[in-house]
Amino acid sequence: MTQEYGVHDIVREDRVFYKMRKLRKMRLSAV
């Protein structure tokens, strides 16, 4: 496992987490 792969993996997970958070906020504001 190279360090680059790890960094890319973290970035990808971060993006997914950010998207989920955004969707949750939109849902809460809609309700």
C-alpha atoms as a PDB file:
ATOM      1  CA  MET A   1       0.000   0.000   0.000  1.00  0.00           C
ATOM      2  CA  THR A   2       1.422   3.356  -0.998  1.00  0.00           C
ATOM      3  CA  GLN A   3       0.847   6.610   0.839  1.00  0.00           C
ATOM      4  CA  GLU A   4      -0.738   8.119  -2.279  1.00  0.00           C
ATOM      5  CA  TYR A   5      -3.443   5.445  -2.356  1.00  0.00           C
ATOM      6  CA  GLY A   6      -4.242   6.090   1.300  1.00  0.00           C
ATOM      7  CA  VAL A   7      -4.571   9.822   0.713  1.00  0.00           C
ATOM      8  CA  HIS A   8      -6.858   9.314  -2.280  1.00  0.00           C
ATOM      9  CA  ASP A   9      -8.980   6.903  -0.259  1.00  0.00           C
ATOM     10  CA  ILE A  10      -9.354   9.445   2.552  1.00  0.00           C
ATOM     11  CA  VAL A  11     -10.330  12.199   0.116  1.00  0.00           C
ATOM     12  CA  ARG A  12     -12.944   9.968  -1.489  1.00  0.00           C
ATOM     13  CA  GLU A  13     -14.467   9.076   1.902  1.00  0.00           C
ATOM     14  CA  ASP A  14     -14.392  12.743   2.913  1.00  0.00           C
ATOM     15  CA  ARG A  15     -16.355  13.694  -0.203  1.00  0.00           C
ATOM     16  CA  VAL A  16     -18.993  11.045   0.481  1.00  0.00           C
ATOM     17  CA  PHE A  17     -19.274  12.184   4.102  1.00  0.00           C
ATOM     18  CA  TYR A  18     -19.632  15.814   2.988  1.00  0.00           C
ATOM     19  CA  LYS A  19     -22.356  14.878   0.504  1.00  0.00           C
ATOM     20  CA  MET A  20     -24.264  12.920   3.162  1.00  0.00           C
ATOM     21  CA  ARG A  21     -24.002  15.847   5.571  1.00  0.00           C
ATOM     22  CA  LYS A  22     -25.257  18.257   2.909  1.00  0.00           C
ATOM     23  CA  LEU A  23     -28.213  16.001   2.096  1.00  0.00           C
ATOM     24  CA  ARG A  24     -29.050  15.671   5.794  1.00  0.00           C
ATOM     25  CA  LYS A  25     -28.977  19.456   6.252  1.00  0.00           C
ATOM     26  CA  MET A  26     -31.226  19.955   3.218  1.00  0.00           C
ATOM     27  CA  ARG A  27     -33.657  17.369   4.575  1.00  0.00           C
ATOM     28  CA  LEU A  28     -33.768  19.004   8.011  1.00  0.00           C
ATOM     29  CA  SER A  29     -34.318  22.465   6.532  1.00  0.00           C
ATOM     30  CA  ALA A  30     -37.048  21.092   4.252  1.00  0.00           C
ATOM     31  CA  VAL A  31     -38.883  19.647   7.274  1.00  0.00           C
END
